[in-house]
Protein backbone atom coordinates (compact mmCIF):
# COMPACT_ATOMS: atom_id res chain seq x y z
CA ASP A 1 0.00 0.00 0.00
CA SER A 2 2.88 2.42 0.71
CA ILE A 3 4.32 1.85 -2.77
CA LYS A 4 0.89 2.37 -4.34
CA SER A 5 0.57 5.62 -2.39
CA ILE A 6 3.94 6.80 -3.69
CA ILE A 7 2.88 5.95 -7.27
CA ASP A 8 -0.30 7.96 -6.84
CA GLN A 9 1.66 10.94 -5.47
CA LEU A 10 4.06 10.80 -8.45
CA ARG A 11 1.17 10.85 -10.87
CA HIS A 12 -0.44 13.74 -9.01
CA PHE A 13 2.64 15.78 -9.84
CA GLY A 14 2.77 14.57 -13.44
CA ILE A 15 5.69 12.18 -12.87
CA LYS A 16 5.65 8.87 -14.74
CA PRO A 17 6.40 5.93 -12.41
CA VAL A 18 9.25 3.58 -13.35
CA PHE A 19 9.02 0.47 -11.19
CA ILE A 20 11.90 -1.98 -10.67
CA SER A 21 10.51 -5.48 -10.42
CA THR A 22 12.27 -8.86 -10.29
CA GLU A 23 12.92 -12.15 -12.08
CA VAL A 24 11.26 -14.06 -9.24
CA VAL A 25 7.78 -13.11 -10.41
CA PHE A 26 8.07 -16.46 -12.21
CA ASN A 27 7.80 -19.94 -10.70
CA GLY A 28 11.03 -21.13 -12.32
CA THR A 29 9.68 -24.19 -14.12
CA LYS A 30 10.35 -22.95 -17.68
CA GLY A 31 13.09 -20.34 -17.86
CA ASP A 32 13.98 -18.16 -20.83
CA TYR A 33 11.02 -15.97 -19.89
CA ILE A 34 9.70 -13.18 -22.09
CA GLU A 35 7.49 -10.28 -21.08
CA SER A 36 4.25 -11.97 -22.18
CA ASP A 37 4.81 -15.09 -20.09
CA GLU A 38 2.38 -15.58 -17.21
CA VAL A 39 3.65 -14.70 -13.75
CA ASP A 40 3.33 -17.21 -10.93
CA PRO A 41 5.57 -16.25 -7.99
CA ILE A 42 6.35 -18.77 -5.29
CA LEU A 43 8.36 -16.32 -3.17
CA THR A 44 6.77 -13.65 -0.98
CA TYR A 45 9.06 -11.07 -2.54
CA GLY A 46 7.85 -12.03 -6.01
CA ARG A 47 4.19 -11.83 -4.96
CA GLN A 48 4.77 -8.32 -3.58
CA LYS A 49 6.29 -7.19 -6.87
CA VAL A 50 3.45 -8.70 -8.91
CA GLU A 51 0.91 -6.78 -6.82
CA VAL A 52 2.53 -3.49 -7.78
CA GLU A 53 2.94 -4.60 -11.42
CA ASP A 54 -0.80 -5.35 -11.58
CA TYR A 55 -1.64 -2.01 -10.01
CA LEU A 56 0.35 -0.17 -12.67
CA GLN A 57 -0.89 -2.21 -15.61
CA GLU A 58 -4.54 -1.92 -14.59
CA SER A 59 -4.39 1.82 -13.89
CA GLY A 60 -4.74 2.93 -17.51
CA GLU A 61 -1.95 5.45 -16.91
CA ASP A 62 1.56 5.66 -18.38
CA TYR A 63 4.23 3.55 -16.65
CA ALA A 64 7.38 1.49 -17.16
CA ILE A 65 8.12 -1.77 -15.36
CA ILE A 66 11.63 -3.21 -15.46
CA ARG A 67 12.06 -6.76 -14.26
CA LEU A 68 15.67 -6.85 -13.16
CA ALA A 69 17.75 -10.01 -13.05
CA MET A 70 20.39 -10.65 -10.41
CA VAL A 71 22.98 -7.88 -10.59
CA TYR A 72 26.71 -8.53 -10.21
CA GLY A 73 29.75 -6.31 -10.34
CA ALA A 74 33.52 -6.34 -10.97
CA LYS A 75 34.76 -4.16 -8.11
CA ARG A 76 36.26 -5.66 -4.98
CA GLN A 77 34.08 -5.46 -1.86
CA ASP A 78 30.99 -4.53 -3.89
CA GLY A 79 28.99 -7.25 -2.16
CA THR A 80 28.03 -9.11 -5.33
CA ILE A 81 28.45 -12.79 -6.10
CA LEU A 82 31.62 -12.78 -8.23
CA THR A 83 33.66 -10.62 -5.90
CA GLY A 84 32.61 -12.75 -2.95
CA TRP A 85 33.74 -15.85 -4.75
CA LEU A 86 37.04 -14.19 -5.71
CA ASP A 87 37.81 -13.59 -2.04
CA ALA A 88 37.18 -17.28 -1.36
CA ILE A 89 39.32 -18.33 -4.36
CA GLU A 90 42.24 -16.23 -3.16
CA GLN A 91 42.01 -17.92 0.23
CA GLY A 92 41.90 -21.37 -1.37
CA GLN A 93 38.45 -22.07 0.04
CA THR A 94 35.76 -24.42 -1.29
CA SER A 95 32.51 -22.69 -2.37
CA ARG A 96 29.17 -24.45 -2.45
CA CYS A 97 27.45 -23.63 -5.74
CA ALA A 98 24.04 -24.73 -6.97
CA TYR A 99 24.06 -26.58 -10.26
CA ASP A 100 20.26 -26.31 -10.65
CA TYR A 101 19.63 -22.61 -10.03
CA LEU A 102 19.58 -20.90 -13.45
CA ALA A 103 19.40 -17.19 -14.21
CA ALA A 104 20.61 -14.62 -16.72
CA PRO A 105 22.57 -12.33 -14.37
CA ILE A 106 23.34 -8.79 -15.50
CA TYR A 107 26.51 -6.75 -15.09
CA VAL A 108 25.83 -3.69 -12.91
CA ASP A 109 26.98 -1.15 -15.53
CA ASP A 110 24.55 -2.67 -18.06
CA ALA A 111 21.74 -2.61 -15.50
CA VAL A 112 22.32 1.10 -14.82
CA GLN A 113 22.47 1.91 -18.54
CA GLY A 114 19.29 -0.03 -19.24
CA ILE A 115 17.30 1.83 -16.59
CA ILE A 116 18.64 5.21 -17.70
CA ARG A 117 17.79 4.51 -21.35
CA VAL A 118 14.25 3.40 -20.53
CA ILE A 119 13.75 6.72 -18.75
CA GLU A 120 15.49 8.86 -21.41
CA ASN A 121 13.55 7.18 -24.24
CA ASP A 122 10.26 7.54 -22.35
CA CYS A 123 9.58 3.83 -22.86
CA HIS A 124 6.17 2.48 -21.88
CA GLY A 125 5.24 -0.97 -20.67
CA LEU A 126 7.10 -3.99 -19.37
CA PHE A 127 10.75 -4.89 -19.97
CA HIS A 128 13.11 -7.66 -18.90
CA LEU A 129 16.56 -6.38 -18.03
CA SER A 130 18.89 -9.34 -17.80
CA GLY A 131 22.23 -10.56 -19.12
CA PRO A 132 22.68 -12.16 -22.53
CA GLU A 133 23.35 -15.71 -21.24
CA THR A 134 21.87 -18.24 -18.86
CA PHE A 135 24.17 -19.56 -16.16
CA SER A 136 23.86 -21.82 -13.17
CA ARG A 137 25.62 -20.62 -10.04
CA LEU A 138 28.05 -23.49 -10.55
CA ASP A 139 28.84 -22.40 -14.11
CA MET A 140 29.42 -18.81 -13.00
CA TYR A 141 31.88 -19.96 -10.36
CA GLU A 142 33.76 -22.21 -12.75
CA THR A 143 33.98 -19.39 -15.29
CA LEU A 144 35.55 -17.15 -12.64
CA LEU A 145 37.92 -19.88 -11.48
CA THR A 146 39.05 -20.56 -15.06
CA GLN A 147 39.82 -16.86 -15.60
CA THR A 148 41.70 -16.77 -12.29
CA LYS A 149 43.95 -19.65 -13.34
CA LYS A 150 44.37 -18.22 -16.83
CA HIS A 151 45.86 -15.11 -15.27
CA GLY A 152 48.45 -17.12 -13.38
CA ALA A 153 46.89 -17.31 -9.92
CA ASP A 154 47.98 -20.36 -7.92
CA THR A 155 44.96 -21.50 -5.99
CA ARG A 156 43.60 -24.66 -4.40
CA ALA A 157 40.04 -23.30 -4.43
CA ARG A 158 37.33 -25.46 -5.88
CA SER A 159 33.57 -25.71 -6.13
CA ALA A 160 31.30 -28.09 -4.28
CA SER A 161 28.31 -28.79 -6.49
CA CYS A 162 24.98 -28.91 -4.73
CA SER A 163 21.29 -28.23 -5.25
CA MET A 164 19.69 -24.91 -4.35
CA ASN A 165 17.35 -26.93 -2.13
CA ASP A 166 20.38 -28.08 -0.08
CA PHE A 167 20.69 -24.57 1.37
CA ASP A 168 18.80 -23.67 4.52
CA LEU A 169 16.32 -21.22 2.99
CA VAL A 170 13.21 -19.73 4.53
CA GLU A 171 11.30 -20.24 1.30
CA LYS A 172 11.81 -22.63 -1.59
CA ARG A 173 13.39 -20.90 -4.57
CA PRO A 174 12.24 -20.98 -8.19
CA LEU A 175 14.98 -22.87 -10.02
CA ASN A 176 15.05 -21.36 -13.49
CA VAL A 177 14.34 -17.62 -13.55
CA SER A 178 16.33 -16.81 -16.68
CA MET A 179 14.81 -14.02 -18.73
CA ARG A 180 15.29 -12.85 -22.31
CA PRO A 181 16.31 -9.16 -22.73
CA ASP A 182 15.53 -8.91 -26.47
CA LYS A 183 12.74 -6.36 -26.05
CA ILE A 184 14.75 -3.83 -24.09
CA VAL A 185 17.87 -4.35 -26.25
CA ASN A 186 15.82 -3.56 -29.36
CA ALA A 187 13.94 -0.67 -27.74
CA VAL A 188 16.94 1.28 -26.45
CA GLY A 189 19.97 -0.14 -28.28
CA LEU A 190 21.51 -1.64 -25.16
CA THR A 191 24.74 -3.64 -25.48
CA LEU A 192 25.08 -6.36 -22.86
CA THR A 193 28.27 -7.73 -21.33
CA GLY A 194 28.83 -11.48 -20.86
CA VAL A 195 29.85 -13.18 -17.61
CA GLU A 196 33.19 -14.37 -19.00
CA GLU A 197 34.18 -10.82 -19.99
CA VAL A 198 33.29 -9.47 -16.56
CA CYS A 199 35.23 -12.29 -14.87
CA SER A 200 38.25 -11.35 -16.98
CA ILE A 201 37.93 -7.67 -15.99
CA LEU A 202 37.62 -8.56 -12.29
CA VAL A 203 40.58 -10.95 -12.31
CA LYS A 204 42.87 -8.63 -14.28
CA GLU A 205 42.23 -5.90 -11.76
CA ALA A 206 42.80 -8.25 -8.81
CA PHE A 207 46.00 -9.86 -10.05
CA ARG A 208 47.66 -7.18 -12.16
């Protein structure tokens, strides 16, 4: 209700709402989701986002909704998944990584550019803002570890493959929340960066 109130206040002042939603509006049984796919959230967070999405779409007013995939960065201590793993790799630790949790994670610089361009181009409607490739958590880790070794790092770090359901989670996670970003790429001319390239950037900076 507080978010709906904020939306109403924005419209009162003639400001178009741009709402950041999430990949977990989907139940994760299909993957490769496009904007017209039916939502069916199994997480509380996803249900909250869908409620606001519905409010905007049923209002008859102008809006933009951006469903954002998991964001990751390439700067040390930024709190994102790759940099956390890099710390563990440098310390020779084993990292538990889910082989069955699939997503199309997006590089933070691309996420920022996508949101800016939707606003600058006055885009209307629903958009998926994700990376260009689908990865499991395990695949992402192995990509980073490969780049680390390629740049000469001597490490005993390794991955421990597991299921997402092996983690002690409050709610069961949807397993394949990968989204396709074709619509937003075509609408605003966005160029997306792949996971391997970002891993290379991160490792070069760390081990230069």
